[in-house]
């Protein structure tokens, strides 16, 4: 049996930009398609994984809620990585983020690409 194809969704949009909803929707679609999905959060995209932040956001009325989409990613044990400087500039430490989030630099993203992952940036 061959390994699952990998995709990394790099999300740079936060709660003020509907494109963030699109990014999480694409990640959910990848899960449903059988891809091994990873998320890499940079810039204001980091805000999505601050504890309690996504619970009430609903950017696009045609998409599921952000809570549903992010919890689907979490429930499927997808890797969610956060840019350490992007987190630090917002005053977030690992304790401010939901459980299971990795504070890792771009080398983690590069490693996934070397392993054959496709990337989608939003």
PDB file of N, CA and C in Angstrom:
ATOM      1  N   UNK A   1       0.844  -1.185   0.000  1.00  0.00           N
ATOM      2  CA  UNK A   1       0.000   0.000   0.000  1.00  0.00           C
ATOM      3  C   UNK A   1       0.887   1.245   0.000  1.00  0.00           C
ATOM      4  N   UNK A   2       0.588   2.174  -0.851  1.00  0.00           N
ATOM      5  CA  UNK A   2       1.411   3.383  -0.935  1.00  0.00           C
ATOM      6  C   UNK A   2       1.031   4.371   0.165  1.00  0.00           C
ATOM      7  N   UNK A   3       1.983   5.217   0.487  1.00  0.00           N
ATOM      8  CA  UNK A   3       1.758   6.238   1.513  1.00  0.00           C
ATOM      9  C   UNK A   3       0.757   7.269   1.008  1.00  0.00           C
ATOM     10  N   UNK A   4       0.067   7.869   1.952  1.00  0.00           N
ATOM     11  CA  UNK A   4      -0.872   8.930   1.597  1.00  0.00           C
ATOM     12  C   UNK A   4      -0.141  10.098   0.978  1.00  0.00           C
ATOM     13  N   UNK A   5      -0.767  10.749   0.033  1.00  0.00           N
ATOM     14  CA  UNK A   5      -0.212  11.996  -0.500  1.00  0.00           C
ATOM     15  C   UNK A   5      -0.370  13.071   0.560  1.00  0.00           C
ATOM     16  N   UNK A   6       0.619  13.967   0.604  1.00  0.00           N
ATOM     17  CA  UNK A   6       0.648  15.004   1.634  1.00  0.00           C
ATOM     18  C   UNK A   6       0.352  16.371   1.029  1.00  0.00           C
ATOM     19  N   UNK A   7      -0.325  17.184   1.829  1.00  0.00           N
ATOM     20  CA  UNK A   7      -0.537  18.584   1.465  1.00  0.00           C
ATOM     21  C   UNK A   7      -0.373  19.430   2.721  1.00  0.00           C
ATOM     22  N   UNK A   8       0.267  20.573   2.546  1.00  0.00           N
ATOM     23  CA  UNK A   8       0.389  21.546   3.615  1.00  0.00           C
ATOM     24  C   UNK A   8      -0.385  22.785   3.190  1.00  0.00           C
ATOM     25  N   UNK A   9      -1.306  23.210   4.045  1.00  0.00           N
ATOM     26  CA  UNK A   9      -2.041  24.449   3.804  1.00  0.00           C
ATOM     27  C   UNK A   9      -1.407  25.513   4.687  1.00  0.00           C
ATOM     28  N   UNK A  10      -0.777  26.499   4.042  1.00  0.00           N
ATOM     29  CA  UNK A  10      -0.141  27.593   4.754  1.00  0.00           C
ATOM     30  C   UNK A  10      -1.173  28.722   4.850  1.00  0.00           C
ATOM     31  N   UNK A  11      -1.554  29.059   6.080  1.00  0.00           N
ATOM     32  CA  UNK A  11      -2.615  30.043   6.304  1.00  0.00           C
ATOM     33  C   UNK A  11      -2.016  31.297   6.933  1.00  0.00           C
ATOM     34  N   UNK A  12      -2.152  32.411   6.218  1.00  0.00           N
ATOM     35  CA  UNK A  12      -1.629  33.691   6.710  1.00  0.00           C
ATOM     36  C   UNK A  12      -2.750  34.679   7.036  1.00  0.00           C
ATOM     37  N   UNK A  13      -3.986  34.273   6.830  1.00  0.00           N
ATOM     38  CA  UNK A  13      -5.123  35.173   7.052  1.00  0.00           C
ATOM     39  C   UNK A  13      -5.786  34.869   8.389  1.00  0.00           C
ATOM     40  N   UNK A  14      -6.192  35.927   9.063  1.00  0.00           N
ATOM     41  CA  UNK A  14      -6.797  35.781  10.375  1.00  0.00           C
ATOM     42  C   UNK A  14      -8.295  36.006  10.358  1.00  0.00           C
ATOM     43  N   UNK A  15      -8.802  36.406  11.487  1.00  0.00           N
ATOM     44  CA  UNK A  15     -10.242  36.516  11.706  1.00  0.00           C
ATOM     45  C   UNK A  15     -10.901  37.671  10.977  1.00  0.00           C
ATOM     46  N   UNK A  16     -10.101  38.512  10.363  1.00  0.00           N
ATOM     47  CA  UNK A  16     -10.654  39.653   9.641  1.00  0.00           C
ATOM     48  C   UNK A  16     -10.688  39.420   8.138  1.00  0.00           C
ATOM     49  N   UNK A  17     -10.428  38.197   7.696  1.00  0.00           N
ATOM     50  CA  UNK A  17     -10.308  37.932   6.263  1.00  0.00           C
ATOM     51  C   UNK A  17     -11.003  36.623   5.903  1.00  0.00           C
ATOM     52  N   UNK A  18     -11.991  36.708   5.050  1.00  0.00           N
ATOM     53  CA  UNK A  18     -12.776  35.541   4.642  1.00  0.00           C
ATOM     54  C   UNK A  18     -11.924  34.456   3.993  1.00  0.00           C
ATOM     55  N   UNK A  19     -10.781  34.836   3.455  1.00  0.00           N
ATOM     56  CA  UNK A  19      -9.920  33.826   2.830  1.00  0.00           C
ATOM     57  C   UNK A  19      -9.449  32.779   3.831  1.00  0.00           C
ATOM     58  N   UNK A  20      -9.435  33.121   5.107  1.00  0.00           N
ATOM     59  CA  UNK A  20      -9.074  32.134   6.131  1.00  0.00           C
ATOM     60  C   UNK A  20     -10.087  30.994   6.140  1.00  0.00           C
ATOM     61  N   UNK A  21     -11.354  31.316   5.994  1.00  0.00           N
ATOM     62  CA  UNK A  21     -12.396  30.294   5.935  1.00  0.00           C
ATOM     63  C   UNK A  21     -12.156  29.362   4.752  1.00  0.00           C
ATOM     64  N   UNK A  22     -11.762  29.934   3.631  1.00  0.00           N
ATOM     65  CA  UNK A  22     -11.461  29.142   2.438  1.00  0.00           C
ATOM     66  C   UNK A  22     -10.302  28.183   2.724  1.00  0.00           C
ATOM     67  N   UNK A  23      -9.275  28.668   3.407  1.00  0.00           N
ATOM     68  CA  UNK A  23      -8.108  27.837   3.704  1.00  0.00           C
ATOM     69  C   UNK A  23      -8.473  26.637   4.563  1.00  0.00           C
ATOM     70  N   UNK A  24      -9.238  26.883   5.633  1.00  0.00           N
ATOM     71  CA  UNK A  24      -9.651  25.772   6.504  1.00  0.00           C
ATOM     72  C   UNK A  24     -10.605  24.833   5.761  1.00  0.00           C
ATOM     73  N   UNK A  25     -11.421  25.369   4.852  1.00  0.00           N
ATOM     74  CA  UNK A  25     -12.312  24.540   4.039  1.00  0.00           C
ATOM     75  C   UNK A  25     -11.504  23.636   3.104  1.00  0.00           C
ATOM     76  N   UNK A  26     -10.452  24.181   2.517  1.00  0.00           N
ATOM     77  CA  UNK A  26      -9.575  23.380   1.652  1.00  0.00           C
ATOM     78  C   UNK A  26      -8.913  22.267   2.468  1.00  0.00           C
ATOM     79  N   UNK A  27      -8.469  22.581   3.671  1.00  0.00           N
ATOM     80  CA  UNK A  27      -7.875  21.561   4.540  1.00  0.00           C
ATOM     81  C   UNK A  27      -8.881  20.459   4.839  1.00  0.00           C
ATOM     82  N   UNK A  28     -10.126  20.842   5.146  1.00  0.00           N
ATOM     83  CA  UNK A  28     -11.170  19.845   5.416  1.00  0.00           C
ATOM     84  C   UNK A  28     -11.442  18.990   4.185  1.00  0.00           C
ATOM     85  N   UNK A  29     -11.448  19.603   3.019  1.00  0.00           N
ATOM     86  CA  UNK A  29     -11.629  18.853   1.782  1.00  0.00           C
ATOM     87  C   UNK A  29     -10.503  17.860   1.549  1.00  0.00           C
ATOM     88  N   UNK A  30      -9.288  18.258   1.891  1.00  0.00           N
ATOM     89  CA  UNK A  30      -8.150  17.350   1.764  1.00  0.00           C
ATOM     90  C   UNK A  30      -8.291  16.135   2.658  1.00  0.00           C
ATOM     91  N   UNK A  31      -8.768  16.371   3.884  1.00  0.00           N
ATOM     92  CA  UNK A  31      -9.006  15.259   4.814  1.00  0.00           C
ATOM     93  C   UNK A  31     -10.030  14.297   4.213  1.00  0.00           C
ATOM     94  N   UNK A  32     -11.127  14.853   3.714  1.00  0.00           N
ATOM     95  CA  UNK A  32     -12.197  14.018   3.130  1.00  0.00           C
ATOM     96  C   UNK A  32     -11.721  13.269   1.892  1.00  0.00           C
ATOM     97  N   UNK A  33     -10.725  13.826   1.195  1.00  0.00           N
ATOM     98  CA  UNK A  33     -10.188  13.188  -0.008  1.00  0.00           C
ATOM     99  C   UNK A  33      -9.123  12.142   0.308  1.00  0.00           C
ATOM    100  N   UNK A  34      -8.780  12.005   1.591  1.00  0.00           N
ATOM    101  CA  UNK A  34      -7.798  11.001   1.981  1.00  0.00           C
ATOM    102  C   UNK A  34      -6.359  11.483   1.989  1.00  0.00           C
ATOM    103  N   UNK A  35      -6.154  12.795   1.883  1.00  0.00           N
ATOM    104  CA  UNK A  35      -4.807  13.332   1.942  1.00  0.00           C
ATOM    105  C   UNK A  35      -4.313  13.419   3.382  1.00  0.00           C
ATOM    106  N   UNK A  36      -3.007  13.377   3.558  1.00  0.00           N
ATOM    107  CA  UNK A  36      -2.402  13.659   4.850  1.00  0.00           C
ATOM    108  C   UNK A  36      -2.219  15.184   4.907  1.00  0.00           C
ATOM    109  N   UNK A  37      -3.052  15.841   5.690  1.00  0.00           N
ATOM    110  CA  UNK A  37      -3.099  17.300   5.729  1.00  0.00           C
ATOM    111  C   UNK A  37      -2.306  17.831   6.913  1.00  0.00           C
ATOM    112  N   UNK A  38      -1.489  18.837   6.639  1.00  0.00           N
ATOM    113  CA  UNK A  38      -0.809  19.603   7.683  1.00  0.00           C
ATOM    114  C   UNK A  38      -1.170  21.067   7.479  1.00  0.00           C
ATOM    115  N   UNK A  39      -1.139  21.815   8.564  1.00  0.00           N
ATOM    116  CA  UNK A  39      -1.423  23.250   8.534  1.00  0.00           C
ATOM    117  C   UNK A  39      -0.181  23.969   9.040  1.00  0.00           C
ATOM    118  N   UNK A  40       0.206  25.042   8.354  1.00  0.00           N
ATOM    119  CA  UNK A  40       1.290  25.896   8.833  1.00  0.00           C
ATOM    120  C   UNK A  40       0.734  27.308   8.937  1.00  0.00           C
ATOM    121  N   UNK A  41       0.689  27.852  10.163  1.00  0.00           N
ATOM    122  CA  UNK A  41       0.090  29.159  10.415  1.00  0.00           C
ATOM    123  C   UNK A  41       1.154  30.226  10.578  1.00  0.00           C
ATOM    124  N   UNK A  42       0.987  31.315   9.829  1.00  0.00           N
ATOM    125  CA  UNK A  42       1.900  32.451   9.898  1.00  0.00           C
ATOM    126  C   UNK A  42       1.077  33.734   9.993  1.00  0.00           C
ATOM    127  N   UNK A  43       1.754  34.825  10.336  1.00  0.00           N
ATOM    128  CA  UNK A  43       1.120  36.142  10.438  1.00  0.00           C
ATOM    129  C   UNK A  43      -0.151  36.049  11.272  1.00  0.00           C
ATOM    130  N   UNK A  44      -1.235  36.693  10.840  1.00  0.00           N
ATOM    131  CA  UNK A  44      -2.463  36.688  11.647  1.00  0.00           C
ATOM    132  C   UNK A  44      -3.178  35.341  11.620  1.00  0.00           C
ATOM    133  N   UNK A  45      -2.737  34.413  10.774  1.00  0.00           N
ATOM    134  CA  UNK A  45      -3.294  33.062  10.790  1.00  0.00           C
ATOM    135  C   UNK A  45      -3.080  32.360  12.121  1.00  0.00           C
ATOM    136  N   UNK A  46      -2.062  32.788  12.847  1.00  0.00           N
ATOM    137  CA  UNK A  46      -1.750  32.228  14.167  1.00  0.00           C
ATOM    138  C   UNK A  46      -2.921  32.403  15.134  1.00  0.00           C
ATOM    139  N   UNK A  47      -3.680  33.482  14.959  1.00  0.00           N
ATOM    140  CA  UNK A  47      -4.778  33.775  15.887  1.00  0.00           C
ATOM    141  C   UNK A  47      -5.817  32.659  15.956  1.00  0.00           C
ATOM    142  N   UNK A  48      -5.951  31.863  14.902  1.00  0.00           N
ATOM    143  CA  UNK A  48      -6.964  30.802  14.882  1.00  0.00           C
ATOM    144  C   UNK A  48      -6.762  29.758  15.964  1.00  0.00           C
ATOM    145  N   UNK A  49      -5.547  29.550  16.405  1.00  0.00           N
ATOM    146  CA  UNK A  49      -5.305  28.482  17.373  1.00  0.00           C
ATOM    147  C   UNK A  49      -5.043  29.002  18.784  1.00  0.00           C
ATOM    148  N   UNK A  50      -5.323  30.270  19.008  1.00  0.00           N
ATOM    149  CA  UNK A  50      -5.287  30.780  20.385  1.00  0.00           C
ATOM    150  C   UNK A  50      -6.498  30.196  21.094  1.00  0.00           C
ATOM    151  N   UNK A  51      -6.324  29.741  22.320  1.00  0.00           N
ATOM    152  CA  UNK A  51      -7.418  29.105  23.065  1.00  0.00           C
ATOM    153  C   UNK A  51      -8.667  29.987  23.050  1.00  0.00           C
ATOM    154  N   UNK A  52      -9.786  29.398  22.650  1.00  0.00           N
ATOM    155  CA  UNK A  52     -11.080  30.073  22.644  1.00  0.00           C
ATOM    156  C   UNK A  52     -11.335  30.985  21.461  1.00  0.00           C
ATOM    157  N   UNK A  53     -10.364  31.198  20.614  1.00  0.00           N
ATOM    158  CA  UNK A  53     -10.490  32.201  19.554  1.00  0.00           C
ATOM    159  C   UNK A  53     -11.450  31.799  18.441  1.00  0.00           C
ATOM    160  N   UNK A  54     -11.448  30.547  18.044  1.00  0.00           N
ATOM    161  CA  UNK A  54     -12.232  30.161  16.874  1.00  0.00           C
ATOM    162  C   UNK A  54     -13.679  29.782  17.195  1.00  0.00           C
ATOM    163  N   UNK A  55     -14.021  29.702  18.434  1.00  0.00           N
ATOM    164  CA  UNK A  55     -15.308  29.145  18.847  1.00  0.00           C
ATOM    165  C   UNK A  55     -16.534  29.842  18.268  1.00  0.00           C
ATOM    166  N   UNK A  56     -16.456  31.151  18.062  1.00  0.00           N
ATOM    167  CA  UNK A  56     -17.645  31.888  17.628  1.00  0.00           C
ATOM    168  C   UNK A  56     -17.496  32.534  16.265  1.00  0.00           C
ATOM    169  N   UNK A  57     -16.385  32.305  15.583  1.00  0.00           N
ATOM    170  CA  UNK A  57     -16.137  32.913  14.277  1.00  0.00           C
ATOM    171  C   UNK A  57     -16.866  32.143  13.183  1.00  0.00           C
ATOM    172  N   UNK A  58     -17.456  32.883  12.262  1.00  0.00           N
ATOM    173  CA  UNK A  58     -18.108  32.287  11.093  1.00  0.00           C
ATOM    174  C   UNK A  58     -17.983  33.295   9.960  1.00  0.00           C
ATOM    175  N   UNK A  59     -16.884  33.186   9.223  1.00  0.00           N
ATOM    176  CA  UNK A  59     -16.550  34.194   8.227  1.00  0.00           C
ATOM    177  C   UNK A  59     -17.374  34.106   6.958  1.00  0.00           C
ATOM    178  N   UNK A  60     -17.691  32.912   6.528  1.00  0.00           N
ATOM    179  CA  UNK A  60     -18.401  32.725   5.268  1.00  0.00           C
ATOM    180  C   UNK A  60     -19.671  31.919   5.549  1.00  0.00           C
ATOM    181  N   UNK A  61     -20.829  32.520   5.338  1.00  0.00           N
ATOM    182  CA  UNK A  61     -22.071  31.808   5.662  1.00  0.00           C
ATOM    183  C   UNK A  61     -22.316  30.550   4.827  1.00  0.00           C
ATOM    184  N   UNK A  62     -21.580  30.382   3.741  1.00  0.00           N
ATOM    185  CA  UNK A  62     -21.738  29.186   2.902  1.00  0.00           C
ATOM    186  C   UNK A  62     -20.823  28.045   3.351  1.00  0.00           C
ATOM    187  N   UNK A  63     -19.873  28.334   4.237  1.00  0.00           N
ATOM    188  CA  UNK A  63     -18.967  27.319   4.777  1.00  0.00           C
ATOM    189  C   UNK A  63     -19.489  26.856   6.129  1.00  0.00           C
ATOM    190  N   UNK A  64     -19.015  25.693   6.588  1.00  0.00           N
ATOM    191  CA  UNK A  64     -19.293  25.319   7.981  1.00  0.00           C
ATOM    192  C   UNK A  64     -18.671  26.374   8.900  1.00  0.00           C
ATOM    193  N   UNK A  65     -18.996  26.326  10.170  1.00  0.00           N
ATOM    194  CA  UNK A  65     -18.400  27.285  11.100  1.00  0.00           C
ATOM    195  C   UNK A  65     -16.901  27.030  11.210  1.00  0.00           C
ATOM    196  N   UNK A  66     -16.169  28.041  11.601  1.00  0.00           N
ATOM    197  CA  UNK A  66     -14.734  27.884  11.800  1.00  0.00           C
ATOM    198  C   UNK A  66     -14.481  26.841  12.878  1.00  0.00           C
ATOM    199  N   UNK A  67     -15.296  26.837  13.914  1.00  0.00           N
ATOM    200  CA  UNK A  67     -15.180  25.856  14.993  1.00  0.00           C
ATOM    201  C   UNK A  67     -15.259  24.440  14.419  1.00  0.00           C
ATOM    202  N   UNK A  68     -16.264  24.193  13.578  1.00  0.00           N
ATOM    203  CA  UNK A  68     -16.422  22.864  12.980  1.00  0.00           C
ATOM    204  C   UNK A  68     -15.218  22.485  12.121  1.00  0.00           C
ATOM    205  N   UNK A  69     -14.756  23.434  11.308  1.00  0.00           N
ATOM    206  CA  UNK A  69     -13.648  23.115  10.401  1.00  0.00           C
ATOM    207  C   UNK A  69     -12.347  22.879  11.163  1.00  0.00           C
ATOM    208  N   UNK A  70     -12.046  23.719  12.145  1.00  0.00           N
ATOM    209  CA  UNK A  70     -10.807  23.564  12.906  1.00  0.00           C
ATOM    210  C   UNK A  70     -10.866  22.303  13.764  1.00  0.00           C
ATOM    211  N   UNK A  71     -12.019  22.023  14.359  1.00  0.00           N
ATOM    212  CA  UNK A  71     -12.141  20.811  15.167  1.00  0.00           C
ATOM    213  C   UNK A  71     -12.068  19.544  14.317  1.00  0.00           C
ATOM    214  N   UNK A  72     -12.485  19.615  13.052  1.00  0.00           N
ATOM    215  CA  UNK A  72     -12.321  18.477  12.148  1.00  0.00           C
ATOM    216  C   UNK A  72     -10.842  18.214  11.904  1.00  0.00           C
ATOM    217  N   UNK A  73     -10.077  19.276  11.698  1.00  0.00           N
ATOM    218  CA  UNK A  73      -8.625  19.135  11.513  1.00  0.00           C
ATOM    219  C   UNK A  73      -8.007  18.514  12.763  1.00  0.00           C
ATOM    220  N   UNK A  74      -8.395  19.011  13.927  1.00  0.00           N
ATOM    221  CA  UNK A  74      -7.862  18.477  15.185  1.00  0.00           C
ATOM    222  C   UNK A  74      -8.270  17.017  15.396  1.00  0.00           C
ATOM    223  N   UNK A  75      -9.529  16.705  15.138  1.00  0.00           N
ATOM    224  CA  UNK A  75     -10.033  15.342  15.347  1.00  0.00           C
ATOM    225  C   UNK A  75      -9.339  14.329  14.441  1.00  0.00           C
ATOM    226  N   UNK A  76      -8.893  14.797  13.282  1.00  0.00           N
ATOM    227  CA  UNK A  76      -8.195  13.914  12.345  1.00  0.00           C
ATOM    228  C   UNK A  76      -6.693  13.883  12.583  1.00  0.00           C
ATOM    229  N   UNK A  77      -6.277  14.473  13.704  1.00  0.00           N
ATOM    230  CA  UNK A  77      -4.877  14.454  14.129  1.00  0.00           C
ATOM    231  C   UNK A  77      -3.928  15.011  13.076  1.00  0.00           C
ATOM    232  N   UNK A  78      -4.417  16.012  12.354  1.00  0.00           N
ATOM    233  CA  UNK A  78      -3.564  16.702  11.392  1.00  0.00           C
ATOM    234  C   UNK A  78      -2.537  17.525  12.163  1.00  0.00           C
ATOM    235  N   UNK A  79      -1.394  17.636  11.601  1.00  0.00           N
ATOM    236  CA  UNK A  79      -0.330  18.421  12.227  1.00  0.00           C
ATOM    237  C   UNK A  79      -0.631  19.911  12.021  1.00  0.00           C
ATOM    238  N   UNK A  80      -0.625  20.675  13.113  1.00  0.00           N
ATOM    239  CA  UNK A  80      -0.800  22.123  13.026  1.00  0.00           C
ATOM    240  C   UNK A  80       0.451  22.772  13.603  1.00  0.00           C
ATOM    241  N   UNK A  81       1.132  23.511  12.735  1.00  0.00           N
ATOM    242  CA  UNK A  81       2.383  24.162  13.108  1.00  0.00           C
ATOM    243  C   UNK A  81       2.184  25.675  13.126  1.00  0.00           C
ATOM    244  N   UNK A  82       2.876  26.327  14.047  1.00  0.00           N
ATOM    245  CA  UNK A  82       2.784  27.773  14.198  1.00  0.00           C
ATOM    246  C   UNK A  82       4.188  28.365  14.136  1.00  0.00           C
ATOM    247  N   UNK A  83       4.320  29.405  13.351  1.00  0.00           N
ATOM    248  CA  UNK A  83       5.570  30.156  13.235  1.00  0.00           C
ATOM    249  C   UNK A  83       5.897  30.804  14.582  1.00  0.00           C
ATOM    250  N   UNK A  84       7.037  30.449  15.204  1.00  0.00           N
ATOM    251  CA  UNK A  84       7.362  31.020  16.520  1.00  0.00           C
ATOM    252  C   UNK A  84       7.432  32.554  16.561  1.00  0.00           C
ATOM    253  N   UNK A  85       8.094  33.226  15.611  1.00  0.00           N
ATOM    254  CA  UNK A  85       8.100  34.692  15.677  1.00  0.00           C
ATOM    255  C   UNK A  85       6.707  35.305  15.508  1.00  0.00           C
ATOM    256  N   UNK A  86       5.874  34.685  14.680  1.00  0.00           N
ATOM    257  CA  UNK A  86       4.509  35.187  14.476  1.00  0.00           C
ATOM    258  C   UNK A  86       3.694  35.062  15.758  1.00  0.00           C
ATOM    259  N   UNK A  87       3.937  34.006  16.505  1.00  0.00           N
ATOM    260  CA  UNK A  87       3.280  33.807  17.788  1.00  0.00           C
ATOM    261  C   UNK A  87       3.806  34.800  18.820  1.00  0.00           C
ATOM    262  N   UNK A  88       5.118  34.941  18.873  1.00  0.00           N
ATOM    263  CA  UNK A  88       5.756  35.809  19.866  1.00  0.00           C
ATOM    264  C   UNK A  88       5.364  37.267  19.690  1.00  0.00           C
ATOM    265  N   UNK A  89       5.262  37.732  18.449  1.00  0.00           N
ATOM    266  CA  UNK A  89       4.917  39.131  18.210  1.00  0.00           C
ATOM    267  C   UNK A  89       3.502  39.451  18.701  1.00  0.00           C
ATOM    268  N   UNK A  90       2.675  38.415  18.831  1.00  0.00           N
ATOM    269  CA  UNK A  90       1.313  38.586  19.349  1.00  0.00           C
ATOM    270  C   UNK A  90       1.259  38.353  20.859  1.00  0.00           C
ATOM    271  N   UNK A  91       2.389  38.024  21.451  1.00  0.00           N
ATOM    272  CA  UNK A  91       2.443  37.782  22.885  1.00  0.00           C
ATOM    273  C   UNK A  91       1.968  36.397  23.280  1.00  0.00           C
ATOM    274  N   UNK A  92       1.864  35.469  22.305  1.00  0.00           N
ATOM    275  CA  UNK A  92       1.393  34.114  22.592  1.00  0.00           C
ATOM    276  C   UNK A  92       2.571  33.207  22.941  1.00  0.00           C
ATOM    277  N   UNK A  93       2.357  32.400  23.959  1.00  0.00           N
ATOM    278  CA  UNK A  93       3.279  31.309  24.255  1.00  0.00           C
ATOM    279  C   UNK A  93       2.529  30.016  23.945  1.00  0.00           C
ATOM    280  N   UNK A  94       3.201  28.902  24.058  1.00  0.00           N
ATOM    281  CA  UNK A  94       2.553  27.618  23.801  1.00  0.00           C
ATOM    282  C   UNK A  94       1.353  27.421  24.734  1.00  0.00           C
ATOM    283  N   UNK A  95       1.397  28.014  25.924  1.00  0.00           N
ATOM    284  CA  UNK A  95       0.284  27.894  26.865  1.00  0.00           C
ATOM    285  C   UNK A  95      -0.968  28.631  26.403  1.00  0.00           C
ATOM    286  N   UNK A  96      -0.821  29.608  25.510  1.00  0.00           N
ATOM    287  CA  UNK A  96      -1.955  30.360  24.980  1.00  0.00           C
ATOM    288  C   UNK A  96      -2.638  29.636  23.825  1.00  0.00           C
ATOM    289  N   UNK A  97      -1.985  28.612  23.300  1.00  0.00           N
ATOM    290  CA  UNK A  97      -2.478  27.918  22.117  1.00  0.00           C
ATOM    291  C   UNK A  97      -3.200  26.635  22.507  1.00  0.00           C
ATOM    292  N   UNK A  98      -4.106  26.205  21.636  1.00  0.00           N
ATOM    293  CA  UNK A  98      -4.833  24.969  21.906  1.00  0.00           C
ATOM    294  C   UNK A  98      -3.852  23.795  21.957  1.00  0.00           C
ATOM    295  N   UNK A  99      -4.240  22.750  22.647  1.00  0.00           N
ATOM    296  CA  UNK A  99      -3.368  21.594  22.834  1.00  0.00           C
ATOM    297  C   UNK A  99      -2.985  20.959  21.499  1.00  0.00           C
ATOM    298  N   UNK A 100      -1.747  20.524  21.429  1.00  0.00           N
ATOM    299  CA  UNK A 100      -1.276  19.798  20.250  1.00  0.00           C
ATOM    300  C   UNK A 100      -0.640  20.672  19.185  1.00  0.00           C
ATOM    301  N   UNK A 101      -0.651  21.973  19.368  1.00  0.00           N
ATOM    302  CA  UNK A 101      -0.059  22.879  18.389  1.00  0.00           C
ATOM    303  C   UNK A 101       1.458  22.848  18.542  1.00  0.00           C
ATOM    304  N   UNK A 102       2.170  22.856  17.422  1.00  0.00           N
ATOM    305  CA  UNK A 102       3.630  22.846  17.437  1.00  0.00           C
ATOM    306  C   UNK A 102       4.161  24.228  17.083  1.00  0.00           C
ATOM    307  N   UNK A 103       5.005  24.787  17.919  1.00  0.00           N
ATOM    308  CA  UNK A 103       5.736  26.012  17.576  1.00  0.00           C
ATOM    309  C   UNK A 103       7.015  25.571  16.876  1.00  0.00           C
ATOM    310  N   UNK A 104       7.044  25.687  15.560  1.00  0.00           N
ATOM    311  CA  UNK A 104       8.197  25.234  14.777  1.00  0.00           C
ATOM    312  C   UNK A 104       8.484  26.234  13.662  1.00  0.00           C
ATOM    313  N   UNK A 105       9.730  26.287  13.280  1.00  0.00           N
ATOM    314  CA  UNK A 105      10.137  27.172  12.204  1.00  0.00           C
ATOM    315  C   UNK A 105       9.865  26.581  10.832  1.00  0.00           C
ATOM    316  N   UNK A 106      10.259  27.335   9.837  1.00  0.00           N
ATOM    317  CA  UNK A 106       9.985  26.936   8.456  1.00  0.00           C
ATOM    318  C   UNK A 106      10.714  25.663   8.041  1.00  0.00           C
ATOM    319  N   UNK A 107      11.726  25.247   8.786  1.00  0.00           N
ATOM    320  CA  UNK A 107      12.395  23.992   8.422  1.00  0.00           C
ATOM    321  C   UNK A 107      11.434  22.808   8.499  1.00  0.00           C
ATOM    322  N   UNK A 108      10.451  22.868   9.385  1.00  0.00           N
ATOM    323  CA  UNK A 108       9.446  21.791   9.455  1.00  0.00           C
ATOM    324  C   UNK A 108       8.615  21.763   8.168  1.00  0.00           C
ATOM    325  N   UNK A 109       8.284  22.928   7.654  1.00  0.00           N
ATOM    326  CA  UNK A 109       7.561  23.025   6.381  1.00  0.00           C
ATOM    327  C   UNK A 109       8.437  22.504   5.243  1.00  0.00           C
ATOM    328  N   UNK A 110       9.693  22.919   5.235  1.00  0.00           N
ATOM    329  CA  UNK A 110      10.606  22.467   4.185  1.00  0.00           C
ATOM    330  C   UNK A 110      10.772  20.955   4.200  1.00  0.00           C
ATOM    331  N   UNK A 111      10.806  20.356   5.397  1.00  0.00           N
ATOM    332  CA  UNK A 111      10.937  18.906   5.496  1.00  0.00           C
ATOM    333  C   UNK A 111       9.742  18.206   4.854  1.00  0.00           C
ATOM    334  N   UNK A 112       8.540  18.723   5.100  1.00  0.00           N
ATOM    335  CA  UNK A 112       7.349  18.130   4.476  1.00  0.00           C
ATOM    336  C   UNK A 112       7.403  18.238   2.955  1.00  0.00           C
ATOM    337  N   UNK A 113       7.908  19.359   2.462  1.00  0.00           N
ATOM    338  CA  UNK A 113       8.052  19.528   1.011  1.00  0.00           C
ATOM    339  C   UNK A 113       9.065  18.522   0.469  1.00  0.00           C
ATOM    340  N   UNK A 114      10.181  18.338   1.182  1.00  0.00           N
ATOM    341  CA  UNK A 114      11.173  17.347   0.759  1.00  0.00           C
ATOM    342  C   UNK A 114      10.597  15.935   0.747  1.00  0.00           C
ATOM    343  N   UNK A 115       9.609  15.693   1.608  1.00  0.00           N
ATOM    344  CA  UNK A 115       8.943  14.388   1.661  1.00  0.00           C
ATOM    345  C   UNK A 115       7.839  14.263   0.603  1.00  0.00           C
ATOM    346  N   UNK A 116       7.702  15.272  -0.230  1.00  0.00           N
ATOM    347  CA  UNK A 116       6.743  15.194  -1.338  1.00  0.00           C
ATOM    348  C   UNK A 116       5.443  15.947  -1.149  1.00  0.00           C
ATOM    349  N   UNK A 117       5.305  16.699  -0.075  1.00  0.00           N
ATOM    350  CA  UNK A 117       4.057  17.432   0.162  1.00  0.00           C
ATOM    351  C   UNK A 117       3.874  18.542  -0.861  1.00  0.00           C
ATOM    352  N   UNK A 118       2.654  18.666  -1.304  1.00  0.00           N
ATOM    353  CA  UNK A 118       2.251  19.835  -2.092  1.00  0.00           C
ATOM    354  C   UNK A 118       1.925  20.948  -1.117  1.00  0.00           C
ATOM    355  N   UNK A 119       1.981  22.181  -1.558  1.00  0.00           N
ATOM    356  CA  UNK A 119       1.638  23.297  -0.666  1.00  0.00           C
ATOM    357  C   UNK A 119       0.552  24.159  -1.292  1.00  0.00           C
ATOM    358  N   UNK A 120      -0.292  24.679  -0.435  1.00  0.00           N
ATOM    359  CA  UNK A 120      -1.330  25.644  -0.815  1.00  0.00           C
ATOM    360  C   UNK A 120      -1.187  26.802   0.160  1.00  0.00           C
ATOM    361  N   UNK A 121      -1.031  28.002  -0.373  1.00  0.00           N
ATOM    362  CA  UNK A 121      -0.872  29.187   0.490  1.00  0.00           C
ATOM    363  C   UNK A 121      -2.053  30.120   0.333  1.00  0.00           C
ATOM    364  N   UNK A 122      -2.610  30.499   1.483  1.00  0.00           N
ATOM    365  CA  UNK A 122      -3.738  31.437   1.473  1.00  0.00           C
ATOM    366  C   UNK A 122      -3.507  32.477   2.548  1.00  0.00           C
TER     367      UNK A 122
END
